[in-house]
N, C-alpha and C. Protein backbone atom coordinates (compact mmCIF):
# COMPACT_ATOMS: atom_id res chain seq x y z
N MET A 1 20.62 -24.22 8.88
CA MET A 1 20.85 -22.78 8.78
C MET A 1 21.19 -22.24 10.16
N ARG A 2 22.20 -21.42 10.20
CA ARG A 2 22.64 -20.82 11.45
C ARG A 2 21.88 -19.51 11.70
N THR A 3 21.95 -19.05 12.94
CA THR A 3 21.25 -17.82 13.32
C THR A 3 21.66 -16.65 12.44
N ASP A 4 22.94 -16.48 12.22
CA ASP A 4 23.41 -15.36 11.39
C ASP A 4 22.86 -15.45 9.97
N GLN A 5 22.86 -16.65 9.41
CA GLN A 5 22.34 -16.82 8.04
C GLN A 5 20.85 -16.50 7.98
N PHE A 6 20.10 -16.93 8.97
CA PHE A 6 18.67 -16.66 9.04
C PHE A 6 18.41 -15.15 8.99
N TRP A 7 19.08 -14.41 9.88
CA TRP A 7 18.85 -12.96 9.94
C TRP A 7 19.46 -12.24 8.75
N GLN A 8 20.56 -12.74 8.19
CA GLN A 8 21.12 -12.13 6.98
C GLN A 8 20.15 -12.23 5.82
N LEU A 9 19.48 -13.35 5.70
CA LEU A 9 18.49 -13.51 4.63
C LEU A 9 17.35 -12.50 4.82
N ILE A 10 16.89 -12.34 6.05
CA ILE A 10 15.84 -11.36 6.32
C ILE A 10 16.35 -9.94 6.04
N ASP A 11 17.59 -9.65 6.40
CA ASP A 11 18.17 -8.33 6.10
C ASP A 11 18.23 -8.08 4.60
N ARG A 12 18.58 -9.10 3.83
CA ARG A 12 18.59 -8.95 2.37
C ARG A 12 17.19 -8.68 1.85
N ALA A 13 16.21 -9.33 2.41
CA ALA A 13 14.82 -9.10 2.01
C ALA A 13 14.38 -7.69 2.40
N ARG A 14 14.84 -7.23 3.54
CA ARG A 14 14.49 -5.87 4.00
C ARG A 14 15.14 -4.81 3.12
N SER A 15 16.33 -5.07 2.64
CA SER A 15 17.06 -4.07 1.86
C SER A 15 16.64 -4.08 0.39
N GLY A 16 15.75 -4.96 0.02
CA GLY A 16 15.32 -5.09 -1.36
C GLY A 16 14.39 -3.99 -1.84
N GLY A 17 14.24 -2.94 -1.09
CA GLY A 17 13.40 -1.83 -1.51
C GLY A 17 12.16 -1.72 -0.66
N GLY A 18 12.08 -0.66 0.11
CA GLY A 18 10.91 -0.44 0.95
C GLY A 18 10.88 -1.42 2.10
N GLY A 19 10.45 -0.97 3.22
CA GLY A 19 10.44 -1.82 4.40
C GLY A 19 9.06 -2.30 4.77
N GLU A 20 8.11 -2.24 3.84
CA GLU A 20 6.76 -2.71 4.16
C GLU A 20 6.80 -4.20 4.48
N PRO A 21 6.18 -4.61 5.58
CA PRO A 21 6.27 -6.01 6.01
C PRO A 21 5.85 -7.03 4.96
N ASP A 22 4.77 -6.79 4.25
CA ASP A 22 4.35 -7.77 3.24
C ASP A 22 5.36 -7.87 2.10
N ALA A 23 6.01 -6.75 1.77
CA ALA A 23 7.04 -6.77 0.74
C ALA A 23 8.28 -7.53 1.23
N VAL A 24 8.62 -7.33 2.51
CA VAL A 24 9.75 -8.07 3.09
C VAL A 24 9.44 -9.57 3.06
N ALA A 25 8.22 -9.94 3.40
CA ALA A 25 7.83 -11.34 3.38
C ALA A 25 7.91 -11.91 1.96
N ALA A 26 7.43 -11.16 0.98
CA ALA A 26 7.48 -11.63 -0.42
C ALA A 26 8.92 -11.80 -0.88
N ARG A 27 9.80 -10.86 -0.51
CA ARG A 27 11.21 -10.98 -0.90
C ARG A 27 11.88 -12.13 -0.15
N THR A 28 11.46 -12.39 1.08
CA THR A 28 11.99 -13.53 1.82
C THR A 28 11.63 -14.82 1.10
N VAL A 29 10.39 -14.93 0.64
CA VAL A 29 9.97 -16.12 -0.12
C VAL A 29 10.82 -16.26 -1.37
N ALA A 30 11.01 -15.17 -2.10
CA ALA A 30 11.78 -15.22 -3.35
C ALA A 30 13.23 -15.65 -3.08
N LEU A 31 13.84 -15.10 -2.04
CA LEU A 31 15.22 -15.46 -1.72
C LEU A 31 15.32 -16.91 -1.27
N LEU A 32 14.39 -17.33 -0.43
CA LEU A 32 14.39 -18.71 0.04
C LEU A 32 14.20 -19.70 -1.10
N ALA A 33 13.31 -19.38 -2.03
CA ALA A 33 13.00 -20.29 -3.13
C ALA A 33 14.21 -20.56 -4.02
N GLN A 34 15.23 -19.71 -3.95
CA GLN A 34 16.45 -19.90 -4.73
C GLN A 34 17.43 -20.86 -4.04
N LEU A 35 17.15 -21.22 -2.80
CA LEU A 35 18.05 -22.07 -2.02
C LEU A 35 17.70 -23.54 -2.21
N PRO A 36 18.64 -24.42 -1.91
CA PRO A 36 18.33 -25.85 -1.93
C PRO A 36 17.24 -26.16 -0.88
N PRO A 37 16.43 -27.18 -1.12
CA PRO A 37 15.35 -27.52 -0.20
C PRO A 37 15.79 -27.69 1.26
N GLU A 38 16.96 -28.28 1.47
CA GLU A 38 17.41 -28.47 2.86
C GLU A 38 17.69 -27.14 3.57
N GLU A 39 18.08 -26.12 2.81
CA GLU A 39 18.29 -24.80 3.41
C GLU A 39 16.95 -24.15 3.76
N ILE A 40 15.96 -24.36 2.93
CA ILE A 40 14.62 -23.83 3.23
C ILE A 40 14.08 -24.51 4.48
N THR A 41 14.29 -25.82 4.58
CA THR A 41 13.88 -26.56 5.77
C THR A 41 14.62 -26.03 7.00
N GLY A 42 15.90 -25.75 6.85
CA GLY A 42 16.68 -25.18 7.95
C GLY A 42 16.15 -23.82 8.37
N TYR A 43 15.77 -23.01 7.40
CA TYR A 43 15.18 -21.70 7.71
C TYR A 43 13.89 -21.90 8.51
N ALA A 44 13.05 -22.83 8.08
CA ALA A 44 11.77 -23.09 8.76
C ALA A 44 12.01 -23.53 10.21
N GLN A 45 13.00 -24.38 10.40
CA GLN A 45 13.31 -24.84 11.75
C GLN A 45 13.82 -23.69 12.61
N HIS A 46 14.65 -22.85 12.01
CA HIS A 46 15.16 -21.72 12.77
C HIS A 46 14.03 -20.73 13.08
N GLN A 47 13.16 -20.50 12.12
CA GLN A 47 12.03 -19.61 12.35
C GLN A 47 11.19 -20.13 13.52
N SER A 48 10.99 -21.42 13.57
CA SER A 48 10.23 -22.01 14.66
C SER A 48 10.89 -21.74 16.01
N ARG A 49 12.21 -21.84 16.05
CA ARG A 49 12.94 -21.56 17.29
C ARG A 49 12.84 -20.09 17.67
N VAL A 50 12.94 -19.22 16.68
CA VAL A 50 12.85 -17.78 16.93
C VAL A 50 11.46 -17.42 17.47
N LEU A 51 10.45 -18.01 16.86
CA LEU A 51 9.08 -17.74 17.33
C LEU A 51 8.85 -18.30 18.73
N ALA A 52 9.42 -19.47 19.01
CA ALA A 52 9.29 -20.05 20.36
C ALA A 52 9.96 -19.15 21.39
N ALA A 53 11.13 -18.63 21.06
CA ALA A 53 11.85 -17.77 22.00
C ALA A 53 11.10 -16.47 22.27
N SER A 54 10.26 -16.07 21.31
CA SER A 54 9.54 -14.80 21.47
C SER A 54 8.13 -14.99 22.03
N TYR A 55 7.76 -16.22 22.34
CA TYR A 55 6.43 -16.51 22.89
C TYR A 55 6.48 -16.21 24.38
N ARG A 56 6.44 -14.92 24.68
CA ARG A 56 6.59 -14.44 26.05
C ARG A 56 5.39 -13.59 26.43
N VAL A 57 4.98 -13.72 27.66
CA VAL A 57 3.78 -13.04 28.12
C VAL A 57 3.90 -11.52 27.99
N ASP A 58 5.01 -10.93 28.42
CA ASP A 58 5.11 -9.47 28.35
C ASP A 58 5.20 -8.97 26.91
N LEU A 59 5.77 -9.77 26.00
CA LEU A 59 5.76 -9.37 24.60
C LEU A 59 4.33 -9.43 24.06
N TRP A 60 3.58 -10.42 24.50
CA TRP A 60 2.17 -10.51 24.12
C TRP A 60 1.42 -9.28 24.65
N GLY A 61 1.73 -8.88 25.88
CA GLY A 61 1.13 -7.67 26.44
C GLY A 61 1.47 -6.44 25.62
N ALA A 62 2.72 -6.37 25.15
CA ALA A 62 3.12 -5.24 24.31
C ALA A 62 2.34 -5.25 23.00
N ALA A 63 2.20 -6.42 22.39
CA ALA A 63 1.41 -6.53 21.15
C ALA A 63 -0.03 -6.11 21.40
N TYR A 64 -0.56 -6.50 22.54
CA TYR A 64 -1.93 -6.16 22.91
C TYR A 64 -2.10 -4.65 23.02
N LEU A 65 -1.17 -3.99 23.69
CA LEU A 65 -1.25 -2.53 23.82
C LEU A 65 -1.11 -1.84 22.47
N ILE A 66 -0.12 -2.23 21.71
CA ILE A 66 0.18 -1.57 20.44
C ILE A 66 -0.94 -1.77 19.43
N ASN A 67 -1.47 -2.98 19.33
CA ASN A 67 -2.47 -3.29 18.31
C ASN A 67 -3.90 -3.15 18.81
N GLY A 68 -4.08 -2.73 20.04
CA GLY A 68 -5.43 -2.59 20.56
C GLY A 68 -6.10 -3.93 20.79
N GLY A 69 -5.31 -4.95 21.07
CA GLY A 69 -5.78 -6.30 21.29
C GLY A 69 -4.90 -7.27 20.53
N ALA A 70 -4.84 -8.51 20.99
CA ALA A 70 -4.04 -9.53 20.30
C ALA A 70 -4.51 -10.91 20.72
N SER A 71 -5.21 -11.58 19.81
CA SER A 71 -5.60 -12.97 20.01
C SER A 71 -4.35 -13.84 19.86
N ASP A 72 -4.52 -15.16 19.98
CA ASP A 72 -3.40 -16.07 19.74
C ASP A 72 -2.82 -15.82 18.35
N ASP A 73 -3.70 -15.81 17.34
CA ASP A 73 -3.24 -15.57 15.97
C ASP A 73 -2.66 -14.17 15.82
N GLY A 74 -3.33 -13.19 16.43
CA GLY A 74 -2.84 -11.82 16.34
C GLY A 74 -1.44 -11.67 16.91
N PHE A 75 -1.17 -12.38 18.01
CA PHE A 75 0.17 -12.34 18.60
C PHE A 75 1.18 -12.99 17.66
N ALA A 76 0.81 -14.10 17.03
CA ALA A 76 1.71 -14.74 16.06
C ALA A 76 1.99 -13.79 14.90
N TYR A 77 0.97 -13.14 14.37
CA TYR A 77 1.15 -12.23 13.23
C TYR A 77 1.97 -11.01 13.64
N PHE A 78 1.82 -10.56 14.89
CA PHE A 78 2.65 -9.46 15.41
C PHE A 78 4.11 -9.88 15.41
N ARG A 79 4.39 -11.11 15.83
CA ARG A 79 5.78 -11.59 15.83
C ARG A 79 6.30 -11.76 14.41
N GLY A 80 5.41 -12.08 13.45
CA GLY A 80 5.80 -12.08 12.04
C GLY A 80 6.23 -10.69 11.61
N TRP A 81 5.46 -9.67 12.01
CA TRP A 81 5.83 -8.28 11.72
C TRP A 81 7.17 -7.96 12.38
N LEU A 82 7.32 -8.38 13.62
CA LEU A 82 8.54 -8.09 14.35
C LEU A 82 9.75 -8.69 13.65
N MET A 83 9.61 -9.88 13.06
CA MET A 83 10.70 -10.47 12.30
C MET A 83 11.09 -9.57 11.13
N THR A 84 10.11 -8.94 10.48
CA THR A 84 10.40 -8.08 9.32
C THR A 84 11.17 -6.83 9.72
N GLN A 85 11.25 -6.55 11.00
CA GLN A 85 11.97 -5.37 11.48
C GLN A 85 13.46 -5.64 11.68
N GLY A 86 13.87 -6.90 11.57
CA GLY A 86 15.28 -7.25 11.67
C GLY A 86 15.68 -7.77 13.04
N ARG A 87 16.88 -8.29 13.07
CA ARG A 87 17.39 -8.99 14.26
C ARG A 87 17.47 -8.09 15.49
N ASP A 88 18.02 -6.88 15.34
CA ASP A 88 18.21 -6.02 16.50
C ASP A 88 16.89 -5.65 17.15
N VAL A 89 15.91 -5.26 16.34
CA VAL A 89 14.60 -4.90 16.88
C VAL A 89 13.95 -6.12 17.51
N PHE A 90 14.01 -7.26 16.82
CA PHE A 90 13.39 -8.48 17.33
C PHE A 90 14.01 -8.87 18.67
N ALA A 91 15.33 -8.95 18.71
CA ALA A 91 16.02 -9.36 19.94
C ALA A 91 15.77 -8.36 21.06
N GLY A 92 15.78 -7.08 20.72
CA GLY A 92 15.50 -6.06 21.73
C GLY A 92 14.11 -6.19 22.31
N ALA A 93 13.14 -6.49 21.45
CA ALA A 93 11.76 -6.63 21.92
C ALA A 93 11.58 -7.88 22.77
N VAL A 94 12.28 -8.95 22.43
CA VAL A 94 12.18 -10.17 23.24
C VAL A 94 12.80 -9.92 24.61
N ALA A 95 13.95 -9.25 24.64
CA ALA A 95 14.63 -8.97 25.90
C ALA A 95 13.88 -7.95 26.74
N ASP A 96 13.31 -6.95 26.08
CA ASP A 96 12.61 -5.86 26.78
C ASP A 96 11.47 -5.38 25.89
N PRO A 97 10.29 -5.99 26.02
CA PRO A 97 9.17 -5.60 25.16
C PRO A 97 8.85 -4.11 25.20
N ASP A 98 9.11 -3.48 26.32
CA ASP A 98 8.83 -2.05 26.45
C ASP A 98 9.73 -1.21 25.54
N SER A 99 10.83 -1.79 25.06
CA SER A 99 11.73 -1.06 24.16
C SER A 99 11.05 -0.72 22.83
N LEU A 100 9.96 -1.41 22.51
CA LEU A 100 9.23 -1.10 21.28
C LEU A 100 8.71 0.32 21.27
N ALA A 101 8.55 0.91 22.45
CA ALA A 101 8.08 2.30 22.54
C ALA A 101 9.06 3.28 21.91
N GLU A 102 10.29 2.85 21.70
CA GLU A 102 11.30 3.74 21.10
C GLU A 102 11.27 3.72 19.58
N LEU A 103 10.56 2.77 18.97
CA LEU A 103 10.51 2.70 17.51
C LEU A 103 9.60 3.81 16.97
N PRO A 104 10.10 4.59 16.02
CA PRO A 104 9.27 5.65 15.44
C PRO A 104 7.93 5.14 14.91
N LYS A 105 7.92 3.95 14.30
CA LYS A 105 6.66 3.39 13.77
C LYS A 105 5.65 3.17 14.88
N VAL A 106 6.14 2.66 15.99
CA VAL A 106 5.25 2.37 17.12
C VAL A 106 4.76 3.68 17.74
N ARG A 107 5.64 4.64 17.87
CA ARG A 107 5.24 5.94 18.42
C ARG A 107 4.16 6.58 17.52
N ALA A 108 4.36 6.49 16.22
CA ALA A 108 3.37 7.05 15.29
C ALA A 108 2.04 6.29 15.39
N ALA A 109 2.11 4.99 15.63
CA ALA A 109 0.89 4.19 15.73
C ALA A 109 0.04 4.59 16.93
N ALA A 110 0.66 5.15 17.95
CA ALA A 110 -0.11 5.62 19.10
C ALA A 110 -1.09 6.71 18.68
N LEU A 111 -0.76 7.45 17.64
CA LEU A 111 -1.64 8.50 17.13
C LEU A 111 -2.52 8.02 15.99
N SER A 112 -1.98 7.16 15.14
CA SER A 112 -2.70 6.74 13.92
C SER A 112 -3.59 5.52 14.12
N GLY A 113 -3.27 4.71 15.12
CA GLY A 113 -4.01 3.47 15.31
C GLY A 113 -3.54 2.34 14.41
N GLU A 114 -2.44 2.55 13.70
CA GLU A 114 -1.91 1.50 12.82
C GLU A 114 -1.61 0.25 13.66
N GLU A 115 -1.91 -0.90 13.07
CA GLU A 115 -1.60 -2.17 13.72
C GLU A 115 -0.46 -2.85 12.98
N PHE A 116 0.29 -3.66 13.71
CA PHE A 116 1.47 -4.30 13.15
C PHE A 116 1.30 -5.82 13.16
N GLU A 117 1.11 -6.36 11.96
CA GLU A 117 0.98 -7.80 11.77
C GLU A 117 1.57 -8.17 10.41
N CYS A 118 2.10 -9.39 10.32
CA CYS A 118 2.55 -9.89 9.02
C CYS A 118 2.46 -11.41 9.02
N GLU A 119 1.27 -11.89 8.71
CA GLU A 119 1.04 -13.33 8.62
C GLU A 119 1.90 -13.95 7.52
N ASP A 120 2.11 -13.21 6.43
CA ASP A 120 2.87 -13.75 5.30
C ASP A 120 4.31 -14.11 5.68
N MET A 121 4.88 -13.39 6.64
CA MET A 121 6.25 -13.70 7.06
C MET A 121 6.31 -15.08 7.71
N LEU A 122 5.26 -15.43 8.43
CA LEU A 122 5.22 -16.74 9.08
C LEU A 122 5.12 -17.87 8.06
N ALA A 123 4.49 -17.59 6.93
CA ALA A 123 4.29 -18.61 5.90
C ALA A 123 5.44 -18.68 4.90
N ALA A 124 6.41 -17.80 5.02
CA ALA A 124 7.48 -17.69 4.02
C ALA A 124 8.18 -19.02 3.71
N PRO A 125 8.61 -19.81 4.68
CA PRO A 125 9.32 -21.04 4.31
C PRO A 125 8.42 -22.04 3.58
N TRP A 126 7.15 -22.09 3.93
CA TRP A 126 6.23 -23.02 3.27
C TRP A 126 5.99 -22.59 1.83
N GLU A 127 5.81 -21.29 1.62
CA GLU A 127 5.61 -20.78 0.26
C GLU A 127 6.87 -21.00 -0.59
N ALA A 128 8.02 -20.72 -0.01
CA ALA A 128 9.28 -20.88 -0.75
C ALA A 128 9.52 -22.35 -1.10
N TYR A 129 9.27 -23.23 -0.17
CA TYR A 129 9.49 -24.66 -0.42
C TYR A 129 8.58 -25.14 -1.55
N ARG A 130 7.33 -24.68 -1.52
CA ARG A 130 6.38 -25.06 -2.57
C ARG A 130 6.84 -24.53 -3.92
N LYS A 131 7.36 -23.30 -3.96
CA LYS A 131 7.86 -22.73 -5.22
C LYS A 131 9.08 -23.48 -5.72
N ALA A 132 9.95 -23.86 -4.80
CA ALA A 132 11.21 -24.50 -5.18
C ALA A 132 11.04 -25.96 -5.57
N THR A 133 10.09 -26.66 -4.94
CA THR A 133 10.00 -28.11 -5.13
C THR A 133 8.65 -28.59 -5.66
N ALA A 134 7.65 -27.73 -5.68
CA ALA A 134 6.28 -28.10 -6.05
C ALA A 134 5.70 -29.15 -5.10
N THR A 135 6.26 -29.20 -3.90
CA THR A 135 5.73 -30.08 -2.84
C THR A 135 5.65 -29.28 -1.55
N ASP A 136 5.00 -29.87 -0.56
CA ASP A 136 4.88 -29.21 0.74
C ASP A 136 6.14 -29.41 1.57
N LEU A 137 6.42 -28.43 2.38
CA LEU A 137 7.53 -28.51 3.32
C LEU A 137 7.30 -29.68 4.27
N PRO A 138 8.30 -30.54 4.45
CA PRO A 138 8.12 -31.67 5.38
C PRO A 138 7.81 -31.16 6.79
N ALA A 139 6.97 -31.89 7.47
CA ALA A 139 6.62 -31.53 8.86
C ALA A 139 7.84 -31.67 9.74
N ALA A 140 8.00 -30.70 10.61
CA ALA A 140 9.10 -30.74 11.57
C ALA A 140 8.49 -30.79 12.97
N PRO A 141 9.24 -31.30 13.93
CA PRO A 141 8.71 -31.30 15.29
C PRO A 141 8.46 -29.87 15.76
N ALA A 142 7.35 -29.66 16.40
CA ALA A 142 6.99 -28.33 16.88
C ALA A 142 7.94 -27.91 17.99
N ALA A 143 8.48 -26.71 17.86
CA ALA A 143 9.41 -26.21 18.87
C ALA A 143 8.76 -25.16 19.76
N ALA A 144 7.57 -24.70 19.39
CA ALA A 144 6.94 -23.61 20.14
C ALA A 144 6.53 -24.08 21.53
N ARG A 145 6.82 -23.24 22.47
CA ARG A 145 6.37 -23.49 23.83
C ARG A 145 5.37 -22.41 24.18
N GLU A 146 4.48 -22.71 25.04
CA GLU A 146 3.50 -21.72 25.44
C GLU A 146 3.83 -21.26 26.84
N PRO A 147 3.58 -19.99 27.12
CA PRO A 147 3.87 -19.50 28.47
C PRO A 147 2.94 -20.16 29.48
N ASP A 148 3.39 -20.27 30.69
CA ASP A 148 2.57 -20.80 31.77
C ASP A 148 1.39 -19.85 31.95
N LEU A 149 0.19 -20.39 31.89
CA LEU A 149 -0.98 -19.53 32.02
C LEU A 149 -1.01 -18.77 33.33
N ASN A 150 -0.31 -19.27 34.33
CA ASN A 150 -0.25 -18.55 35.61
C ASN A 150 0.57 -17.27 35.49
N ASP A 151 1.36 -17.15 34.43
CA ASP A 151 2.18 -15.96 34.23
C ASP A 151 1.42 -14.84 33.52
N PHE A 152 0.24 -15.16 32.97
CA PHE A 152 -0.52 -14.14 32.26
C PHE A 152 -1.01 -13.07 33.22
N TRP A 153 -1.14 -11.89 32.70
CA TRP A 153 -1.76 -10.80 33.44
C TRP A 153 -2.87 -10.24 32.57
N ASP A 154 -3.78 -9.55 33.17
CA ASP A 154 -4.92 -8.99 32.45
C ASP A 154 -4.43 -7.82 31.62
N PHE A 155 -4.33 -8.02 30.31
CA PHE A 155 -3.81 -6.98 29.43
C PHE A 155 -4.70 -5.74 29.41
N ASP A 156 -5.94 -5.86 29.84
CA ASP A 156 -6.84 -4.71 29.92
C ASP A 156 -6.68 -3.94 31.23
N ASP A 157 -5.89 -4.46 32.15
CA ASP A 157 -5.65 -3.80 33.43
C ASP A 157 -4.63 -2.69 33.20
N GLU A 158 -5.11 -1.46 33.12
CA GLU A 158 -4.25 -0.34 32.76
C GLU A 158 -3.16 -0.10 33.80
N GLU A 159 -3.48 -0.30 35.07
CA GLU A 159 -2.47 -0.11 36.12
C GLU A 159 -1.34 -1.13 35.97
N GLU A 160 -1.71 -2.38 35.70
CA GLU A 160 -0.70 -3.43 35.50
C GLU A 160 0.12 -3.14 34.24
N ALA A 161 -0.53 -2.65 33.18
CA ALA A 161 0.20 -2.30 31.95
C ALA A 161 1.21 -1.19 32.25
N ARG A 162 0.80 -0.21 33.03
CA ARG A 162 1.74 0.87 33.38
C ARG A 162 2.92 0.35 34.19
N ARG A 163 2.67 -0.64 35.05
CA ARG A 163 3.74 -1.20 35.88
C ARG A 163 4.70 -2.04 35.05
N ARG A 164 4.16 -2.88 34.16
CA ARG A 164 4.99 -3.82 33.40
C ARG A 164 5.62 -3.21 32.15
N LEU A 165 4.90 -2.32 31.48
CA LEU A 165 5.34 -1.74 30.21
C LEU A 165 5.13 -0.23 30.25
N PRO A 166 5.87 0.47 31.11
CA PRO A 166 5.58 1.88 31.34
C PRO A 166 5.71 2.78 30.10
N ARG A 167 6.71 2.52 29.26
CA ARG A 167 6.88 3.38 28.07
C ARG A 167 5.77 3.15 27.05
N LEU A 168 5.39 1.90 26.84
CA LEU A 168 4.29 1.61 25.92
C LEU A 168 2.97 2.09 26.49
N ALA A 169 2.78 1.90 27.79
CA ALA A 169 1.54 2.36 28.41
C ALA A 169 1.40 3.88 28.30
N ALA A 170 2.52 4.59 28.40
CA ALA A 170 2.46 6.04 28.25
C ALA A 170 1.96 6.44 26.87
N LEU A 171 2.20 5.61 25.88
CA LEU A 171 1.75 5.89 24.52
C LEU A 171 0.32 5.41 24.25
N PHE A 172 -0.05 4.25 24.81
CA PHE A 172 -1.28 3.58 24.38
C PHE A 172 -2.38 3.48 25.44
N VAL A 173 -2.12 3.89 26.67
CA VAL A 173 -3.12 3.78 27.74
C VAL A 173 -3.49 5.19 28.18
N GLU A 174 -4.78 5.38 28.38
CA GLU A 174 -5.26 6.68 28.87
C GLU A 174 -4.61 6.99 30.21
N PRO A 175 -4.26 8.25 30.44
CA PRO A 175 -3.72 8.60 31.76
C PRO A 175 -4.76 8.34 32.85
N PRO A 176 -4.31 8.01 34.05
CA PRO A 176 -5.28 7.75 35.12
C PRO A 176 -6.07 9.01 35.45
N ALA A 177 -7.33 8.80 35.80
CA ALA A 177 -8.18 9.94 36.18
C ALA A 177 -7.70 10.50 37.51
N GLU A 178 -7.74 11.81 37.62
CA GLU A 178 -7.26 12.44 38.86
C GLU A 178 -8.38 12.77 39.78
């Protein structure tokens, strides 16, 4: 599966009515389950590459600010949610995590406390393969890379958050005391 096909399938799932992440994930499973098994496997491999490309420290910091914390799993589920937002939002967030501050949903979450996660999106190829073949998706070589731990910064350090992610920090971090 090519990059365009991967994102087109997600766009079709997004356009299937309502943009709720769990609904997008369910429609992704349904669309994938209609494909030949090798296409589902291709989707899974591409998803792995997309997730590896988004395994970035500053994006993790953005997830931490937006969701009020992000464990390893929480960061993965945040990236699942990010996939449900489509290619442009995903690519924009990978290139500039602070750009998430421009999304109306994220701006509203600064007031509501809503968190953004979609574990089901990460499981979509496995669920679809099981529906299509009644067997488990074959194991593929892991493509995920982890950031160098020396690149991490203290996500609770409000000054560092303001420096690295100024637009998100303006929404999610208390102003400095005067």
